[in-house]
Protein backbone atom coordinates (compact mmCIF):
# COMPACT_ATOMS: atom_id res chain seq x y z
CA MET A 1 -20.72 34.71 -26.59
CA ARG A 2 -24.01 36.56 -27.12
CA PHE A 3 -25.01 38.40 -30.30
CA SER A 4 -25.65 41.61 -28.36
CA GLU A 5 -22.07 41.54 -27.05
CA PHE A 6 -20.79 40.90 -30.56
CA LEU A 7 -22.77 43.91 -31.90
CA LYS A 8 -21.38 46.17 -29.15
CA ASP A 9 -17.89 45.10 -30.15
CA LYS A 10 -18.70 45.86 -33.81
CA LEU A 11 -20.33 49.26 -33.19
CA PRO A 12 -17.41 51.23 -34.71
CA ALA A 13 -17.54 49.12 -37.89
CA ILE A 14 -21.34 49.40 -38.04
CA GLY A 15 -21.04 53.17 -37.58
CA LEU A 16 -18.56 53.40 -40.46
CA GLY A 17 -20.88 51.30 -42.60
CA GLY A 18 -23.78 53.63 -41.80
CA ALA A 19 -21.62 56.64 -42.70
CA GLY A 20 -20.69 55.00 -46.01
CA LEU A 21 -24.38 54.34 -46.74
CA SER A 22 -25.18 57.99 -46.04
CA MET A 23 -22.46 59.17 -48.46
CA MET A 24 -23.82 56.80 -51.13
CA LEU A 25 -27.30 58.29 -50.69
CA VAL A 26 -25.90 61.82 -51.04
CA PHE A 27 -24.05 60.98 -54.26
CA MET A 28 -27.04 59.11 -55.72
CA LEU A 29 -29.34 62.04 -54.96
CA ALA A 30 -26.80 64.43 -56.45
CA PHE A 31 -26.79 62.45 -59.67
CA LYS A 32 -30.61 62.35 -59.59
CA ALA A 33 -31.00 58.57 -59.29
CA ASN A 34 -34.60 57.43 -59.13
CA THR A 35 -36.20 56.00 -55.99
CA GLN A 36 -36.12 52.39 -57.18
CA GLN A 37 -32.38 52.57 -57.87
CA ILE A 38 -31.67 54.13 -54.48
CA PHE A 39 -33.80 51.50 -52.69
CA ALA A 40 -32.14 48.60 -54.55
CA VAL A 41 -28.61 49.81 -53.83
CA CYS A 42 -29.38 50.47 -50.14
CA PHE A 43 -31.09 47.08 -49.77
CA ILE A 44 -28.16 45.20 -51.32
CA TYR A 45 -25.66 47.20 -49.23
CA VAL A 46 -27.50 46.51 -45.94
CA LEU A 47 -28.11 42.85 -46.82
CA ILE A 48 -24.45 42.24 -47.59
CA GLY A 49 -23.46 43.97 -44.34
CA MET A 50 -25.87 41.83 -42.31
CA VAL A 51 -24.65 38.62 -43.97
CA ILE A 52 -21.03 39.55 -43.22
CA LEU A 53 -21.89 40.30 -39.57
CA LEU A 54 -23.81 37.05 -39.08
CA TRP A 55 -21.14 34.97 -40.79
CA ASP A 56 -18.41 36.53 -38.66
CA PHE A 57 -20.49 36.08 -35.49
CA PHE A 58 -21.25 32.39 -36.00
CA ARG A 59 -17.69 31.37 -36.89
CA ARG A 60 -16.33 33.20 -33.87
CA ARG A 61 -19.08 31.85 -31.61
CA ARG A 62 -18.42 28.29 -32.75
CA PHE A 63 -14.73 28.63 -31.87
CA TYR A 64 -15.21 30.25 -28.45
CA VAL A 65 -18.02 27.89 -27.39
CA ARG A 66 -15.83 24.90 -28.22
CA LEU A 67 -12.92 26.54 -26.41
CA MET A 68 -14.95 27.04 -23.21
CA GLU A 69 -16.38 23.51 -23.36
CA ASP A 70 -12.88 22.02 -23.70
CA LEU A 71 -11.68 24.22 -20.83
CA ASP A 72 -14.50 23.02 -18.55
CA ARG A 73 -13.65 19.39 -19.24
CA LEU A 74 -10.00 19.82 -18.34
CA ASP A 75 -8.73 19.29 -14.80
CA GLN A 76 -5.44 20.94 -15.68
CA LYS A 77 -6.55 24.12 -17.43
CA TYR A 78 -3.10 25.03 -18.70
CA LEU A 79 -3.29 22.13 -21.19
CA ILE A 80 -6.07 23.84 -23.18
CA SER A 81 -3.60 24.75 -25.93
CA GLU A 82 -3.22 21.03 -26.70
CA MET A 83 -6.94 20.64 -27.41
CA VAL A 84 -7.96 23.81 -29.24
CA GLU A 85 -7.77 23.91 -33.02
CA PRO A 86 -6.76 27.18 -34.73
CA PRO A 87 -9.84 28.86 -36.31
CA GLU A 88 -10.14 30.65 -39.65
CA PHE A 89 -10.02 34.23 -38.35
CA ILE A 90 -6.72 35.89 -37.50
CA GLU A 91 -7.56 36.86 -33.88
CA GLY A 92 -8.34 33.23 -33.04
CA ARG A 93 -5.06 32.02 -34.55
CA LEU A 94 -3.15 34.64 -32.58
CA LEU A 95 -4.96 33.54 -29.42
CA CYS A 96 -4.01 29.91 -30.06
CA GLU A 97 -0.39 30.91 -30.55
CA VAL A 98 -0.38 32.89 -27.29
CA LEU A 99 -1.97 29.96 -25.42
CA ALA A 100 0.61 27.54 -26.83
CA GLN A 101 3.54 29.74 -25.82
CA THR A 102 2.21 30.45 -22.31
CA SER A 103 1.40 26.77 -21.78
CA SER A 104 4.89 25.75 -22.89
CA ALA A 105 6.47 28.32 -20.57
CA MET A 106 4.36 27.18 -17.62
CA CYS A 107 5.09 23.51 -18.26
CA GLY A 108 8.78 24.37 -18.15
CA GLN A 109 8.32 26.16 -14.83
CA VAL A 110 6.34 23.23 -13.41
CA ALA A 111 9.02 20.77 -14.53
CA ALA A 112 11.73 22.89 -12.91
CA TYR A 113 9.72 23.13 -9.70
CA ARG A 114 9.17 19.36 -9.65
CA ARG A 115 12.89 18.75 -10.08
CA GLU A 116 13.69 21.11 -7.21
CA THR A 117 11.11 19.54 -4.89
CA ALA A 118 12.24 16.03 -5.85
CA ASP A 119 15.84 16.93 -5.02
CA PHE A 120 14.75 18.45 -1.71
CA ARG A 121 12.64 15.40 -0.86
CA GLU A 122 15.55 13.07 -1.60
CA TYR A 123 17.79 15.17 0.62
CA ILE A 124 15.27 15.11 3.48
CA GLU A 125 14.86 11.34 3.21
CA LEU A 126 18.63 10.88 3.21
CA TRP A 127 18.98 13.21 6.20
CA VAL A 128 16.30 11.31 8.14
CA HIS A 129 18.00 7.98 7.55
CA GLU A 130 21.39 9.38 8.52
CA ILE A 131 20.13 11.10 11.68
CA LYS A 132 18.55 7.86 12.85
CA LEU A 133 21.97 6.20 13.17
CA PRO A 134 23.28 8.45 15.98
CA LEU A 135 19.79 8.46 17.47
CA ALA A 136 19.82 4.66 17.71
CA GLY A 137 23.28 4.86 19.28
CA MET A 138 22.01 7.31 21.91
CA GLN A 139 19.11 4.98 22.67
CA LEU A 140 21.60 2.20 23.43
CA MET A 141 23.68 4.53 25.60
CA THR A 142 20.67 5.44 27.76
CA HIS A 143 20.36 1.83 28.96
CA ASN A 144 23.56 2.31 30.98
CA SER A 145 22.53 5.68 32.38
CA PRO A 146 20.80 6.21 35.78
CA ASP A 147 18.39 8.62 34.05
CA GLY A 148 17.99 6.30 31.09
CA LYS A 149 14.20 6.22 31.19
CA LYS A 150 13.94 9.99 31.06
CA TYR A 151 16.44 10.27 28.23
CA SER A 152 14.80 7.39 26.41
CA ALA A 153 11.44 9.17 26.49
CA GLU A 154 12.95 12.34 25.05
CA LEU A 155 14.76 10.38 22.36
CA LYS A 156 11.49 8.64 21.52
CA ARG A 157 9.83 12.01 21.03
CA LEU A 158 12.73 13.13 18.85
CA GLU A 159 12.40 9.99 16.75
CA GLU A 160 8.68 10.63 16.37
CA TYR A 161 9.31 14.15 15.09
CA ILE A 162 11.91 12.89 12.64
CA ASP A 163 9.44 10.29 11.37
CA ASN A 164 6.86 13.04 10.91
CA VAL A 165 9.29 14.88 8.64
CA LEU A 166 9.89 11.74 6.59
CA TYR A 167 6.24 10.78 6.21
CA TYR A 168 5.19 14.36 5.49
CA THR A 169 7.63 14.57 2.59
CA ARG A 170 6.28 11.29 1.27
CA CYS A 171 2.55 11.72 1.79
CA ASP A 172 2.08 13.70 -1.45
CA ASN A 173 3.73 10.83 -3.36
CA ALA A 174 2.62 7.96 -1.16
CA GLU A 175 1.49 5.92 -4.18
CA LYS A 176 5.17 5.31 -5.01
CA ASP A 177 5.93 3.91 -1.58
CA TYR A 178 3.02 1.72 -0.52
CA LEU A 179 1.99 -1.85 -1.18
CA ILE A 180 -1.70 -2.65 -0.76
CA LYS A 181 -2.22 -6.18 0.57
CA PRO A 182 -4.16 -8.01 3.32
CA VAL A 183 -2.89 -6.79 6.70
CA SER A 184 -3.76 -8.18 10.13
CA LEU A 185 -4.99 -5.42 12.42
CA LYS A 186 -3.87 -7.44 15.43
CA ARG A 187 -0.30 -7.70 14.19
CA ALA A 188 -0.15 -4.03 13.19
CA PHE A 189 -1.41 -2.91 16.59
CA SER A 190 0.91 -5.33 18.44
CA ASN A 191 3.92 -3.93 16.60
CA THR A 192 2.85 -0.39 17.46
CA ALA A 193 2.32 -1.27 21.13
CA LEU A 194 5.78 -2.89 21.35
CA LYS A 195 7.44 0.20 19.88
CA ASN A 196 5.73 2.37 22.49
CA ARG A 197 5.93 -0.06 25.40
CA GLY A 198 8.34 2.08 27.40
CA LEU A 199 6.22 5.22 27.18
CA LEU A 200 3.06 3.28 28.01
CA GLN A 201 4.65 1.82 31.13
CA GLN A 202 6.19 5.13 32.13
CA ASN A 203 2.81 6.88 31.95
CA GLY A 204 0.93 3.97 33.55
CA VAL A 205 -1.49 3.65 30.62
CA CYS A 206 -3.83 0.65 30.46
CA LEU A 207 -3.95 -0.76 26.96
CA SER A 208 -6.73 -3.04 25.71
CA ALA A 209 -7.67 -4.44 22.31
CA GLU A 210 -10.87 -6.15 21.18
CA GLY A 211 -11.96 -7.72 17.92
CA LEU A 212 -8.70 -7.17 16.06
CA ASP A 213 -8.66 -10.68 14.60
CA THR A 214 -9.55 -9.31 11.19
CA THR A 215 -7.74 -8.46 7.98
CA VAL A 216 -8.01 -5.28 5.94
CA MET A 217 -6.56 -4.09 2.65
CA THR A 218 -3.90 -1.47 3.34
CA ASP A 219 -0.16 -0.92 3.59
CA SER A 220 1.25 -2.32 6.84
CA LYS A 221 4.02 0.26 7.23
CA TRP A 222 1.73 3.25 6.74
CA LEU A 223 -0.91 1.71 9.05
CA GLU A 224 1.62 1.17 11.84
CA TYR A 225 2.79 4.75 11.43
CA MET A 226 -0.77 6.05 11.73
CA LEU A 227 -1.41 3.91 14.81
CA GLY A 228 1.83 5.19 16.31
CA GLN A 229 0.71 8.78 15.71
CA LEU A 230 -2.63 8.10 17.39
CA MET A 231 -0.91 6.46 20.35
CA GLY A 232 1.47 9.39 20.65
CA ASN A 233 -1.47 11.82 20.69
CA SER A 234 -3.19 9.77 23.38
CA LEU A 235 -0.08 9.83 25.56
CA LYS A 236 0.37 13.54 24.95
CA TYR A 237 -3.14 14.50 26.05
CA LEU A 238 -3.55 12.32 29.16
CA ARG A 239 -5.57 13.65 32.09
CA PRO A 240 -3.43 13.63 35.25
CA GLU A 241 -6.41 13.04 37.53
CA VAL A 242 -7.37 9.68 35.99
CA THR A 243 -5.54 6.53 34.95
CA GLY A 244 -4.87 6.64 31.24
CA GLU A 245 -6.72 4.10 29.11
CA ILE A 246 -6.41 3.30 25.42
CA THR A 247 -8.93 0.96 23.85
CA VAL A 248 -8.67 -0.27 20.27
CA PHE A 249 -11.54 -2.23 18.72
CA THR A 250 -13.28 -2.83 15.41
CA ALA A 251 -16.84 -2.41 14.22
CA GLU A 252 -18.29 -3.92 11.06
CA THR A 253 -20.65 -2.19 8.62
CA ASP A 254 -22.03 -3.38 5.28
CA THR A 255 -19.28 -1.63 3.33
CA ALA A 256 -16.37 -1.15 5.71
CA THR A 257 -14.38 -2.36 8.69
CA GLU A 258 -13.99 0.47 11.17
CA LEU A 259 -10.97 0.59 13.46
CA HIS A 260 -11.63 2.65 16.61
CA PHE A 261 -8.72 4.14 18.55
CA ARG A 262 -10.23 5.50 21.77
CA ASP A 263 -8.64 7.09 24.82
CA ASN A 264 -9.94 8.74 27.99
CA GLY A 265 -7.74 11.82 27.67
CA CYS A 266 -8.68 15.48 27.80
CA GLY A 267 -10.85 15.24 24.70
CA ILE A 268 -11.36 17.79 21.92
CA PRO A 269 -13.56 20.89 22.25
CA ALA A 270 -16.64 20.75 20.01
CA ALA A 271 -15.58 23.97 18.25
CA ASP A 272 -12.21 22.44 17.28
CA LEU A 273 -13.48 19.01 16.20
CA PRO A 274 -14.30 19.88 12.54
CA ARG A 275 -10.79 21.27 12.01
CA ILE A 276 -8.49 18.78 13.72
CA PHE A 277 -7.40 17.24 10.39
CA ASP A 278 -6.44 20.63 8.93
CA LYS A 279 -2.78 21.30 8.34
CA SER A 280 -0.99 22.89 11.35
CA PHE A 281 -4.23 23.25 13.33
CA THR A 282 -3.56 22.85 17.07
CA GLY A 283 -6.75 24.27 18.60
CA GLU A 284 -7.42 24.89 22.25
CA ASN A 285 -5.49 21.83 23.44
CA GLY A 286 -2.48 22.88 21.40
CA ARG A 287 -2.23 26.11 23.38
CA THR A 288 -1.80 24.16 26.62
CA HIS A 289 0.61 21.57 25.18
CA ALA A 290 3.78 23.11 23.79
CA ALA A 291 4.67 19.91 21.90
CA SER A 292 1.62 20.16 19.62
CA THR A 293 2.41 20.82 15.96
CA GLY A 294 -0.94 20.14 14.30
CA MET A 295 0.71 17.89 11.72
CA GLY A 296 0.06 14.37 13.02
CA LEU A 297 -3.64 14.14 12.22
CA TYR A 298 -3.12 16.05 8.98
CA ILE A 299 -0.61 13.44 7.80
CA ILE A 300 -2.98 10.64 8.87
CA LYS A 301 -5.79 12.23 6.87
CA SER A 302 -3.53 12.61 3.82
CA LEU A 303 -2.34 9.01 4.00
CA CYS A 304 -5.87 7.66 4.44
CA THR A 305 -6.97 9.59 1.37
CA ARG A 306 -4.08 8.17 -0.66
CA LEU A 307 -4.78 4.63 0.54
CA GLY A 308 -8.51 4.88 -0.15
CA HIS A 309 -9.55 4.89 3.53
CA THR A 310 -11.58 7.45 5.44
CA VAL A 311 -10.92 8.86 8.88
CA ARG A 312 -13.14 10.78 11.28
CA ALA A 313 -13.15 11.75 14.93
CA GLU A 314 -15.64 11.70 17.78
CA SER A 315 -14.89 13.35 21.09
CA VAL A 316 -16.33 14.87 24.25
CA GLN A 317 -14.10 17.34 26.03
CA GLY A 318 -12.95 16.01 29.39
CA GLU A 319 -14.14 12.46 28.63
CA TYR A 320 -12.75 10.73 25.55
CA THR A 321 -11.47 10.95 21.98
CA ASP A 322 -12.25 8.30 19.38
CA ILE A 323 -10.46 8.29 16.00
CA ILE A 324 -12.14 5.96 13.48
CA ILE A 325 -10.37 4.68 10.36
CA SER A 326 -12.66 2.94 7.84
CA PHE A 327 -11.28 0.25 5.51
CA GLY A 328 -13.46 -0.62 2.52
CA LYS A 329 -14.57 -4.24 2.13
CA ASN A 330 -14.91 -4.38 -1.66
CA GLU A 331 -11.15 -4.55 -2.22
CA MET A 332 -10.84 -7.34 0.33
CA LYS A 333 -13.59 -9.40 -1.35
CA ASP A 334 -11.83 -9.09 -4.71
CA ILE A 335 -8.52 -10.34 -3.26
CA VAL A 336 -10.18 -13.27 -1.49
CA SER A 337 -12.07 -14.34 -4.64
CA GLN A 338 -8.86 -14.20 -6.68
CA GLU A 339 -7.03 -16.35 -4.13
CA GLU A 340 -9.87 -18.92 -4.12
CA LYS A 341 -9.68 -19.20 -7.91
């Protein structure tokens, strides 16, 4: 709040004050007041007016400066009414009352929205668990069918899509569903490979793992889901002219253990690479693969953020794609030191 802006706002009042001073001069001249009397009255009148203006400016400025500073410090701006103190002037008190009422109304709307989304999330989770029962029954039935392998592959894809729905509804509240503890990368990858063994054999993919005899701090269930998503992407984007290969290995840095998930599939165009973790982004490859939804890598990115990991991608179109998940080492050192004590 600048003084020039304050004066512009007070121009009508200043104009009325100037008109009042002019009328006083007219009356004093009419009654033949001497020059000294006129000067003294005008000086006192102007001085009092300036004092009133400055006093009003500084009390208002102090309130609005504090209000803006409190607003800048808040992450949730709608809570400003809880921090601001009502000032002495009436406009400020009215503003505080308006802020309090609007904040209360918005908090009520947010609470109602959260209840609705929580109910919807619970319904989706219940639906996913219920739909998996007939799905598991169909998987068993395919073993006795001549076309069992084909049906099994389609059911596997269906199960993957259902899992995507479940994990997507949970990724915004993943902190309520994960348990951070030391996890063996070898065991997590082995479990993922066993779950996808049929698809790997059906597509003739060569699978290799190196340097996975290490432990990282993460949630085992979420890690296996992410590895399953990466394996599904690799199988989806195989090049028909070459034998599919998936290589998983680790690389150590000073601050992190990096898990590389690399395949020799069709690769990602350089123009699409910066956006592959965006929600619903399918890119050039998605236009040639009808099964692409653009959600798998987005969910992986969201889960990594929640778990404190980072994920990035390296790729050359027509050669390879390498997805790298980095697990911080500081958390692991703290757990090891506590166990030694």
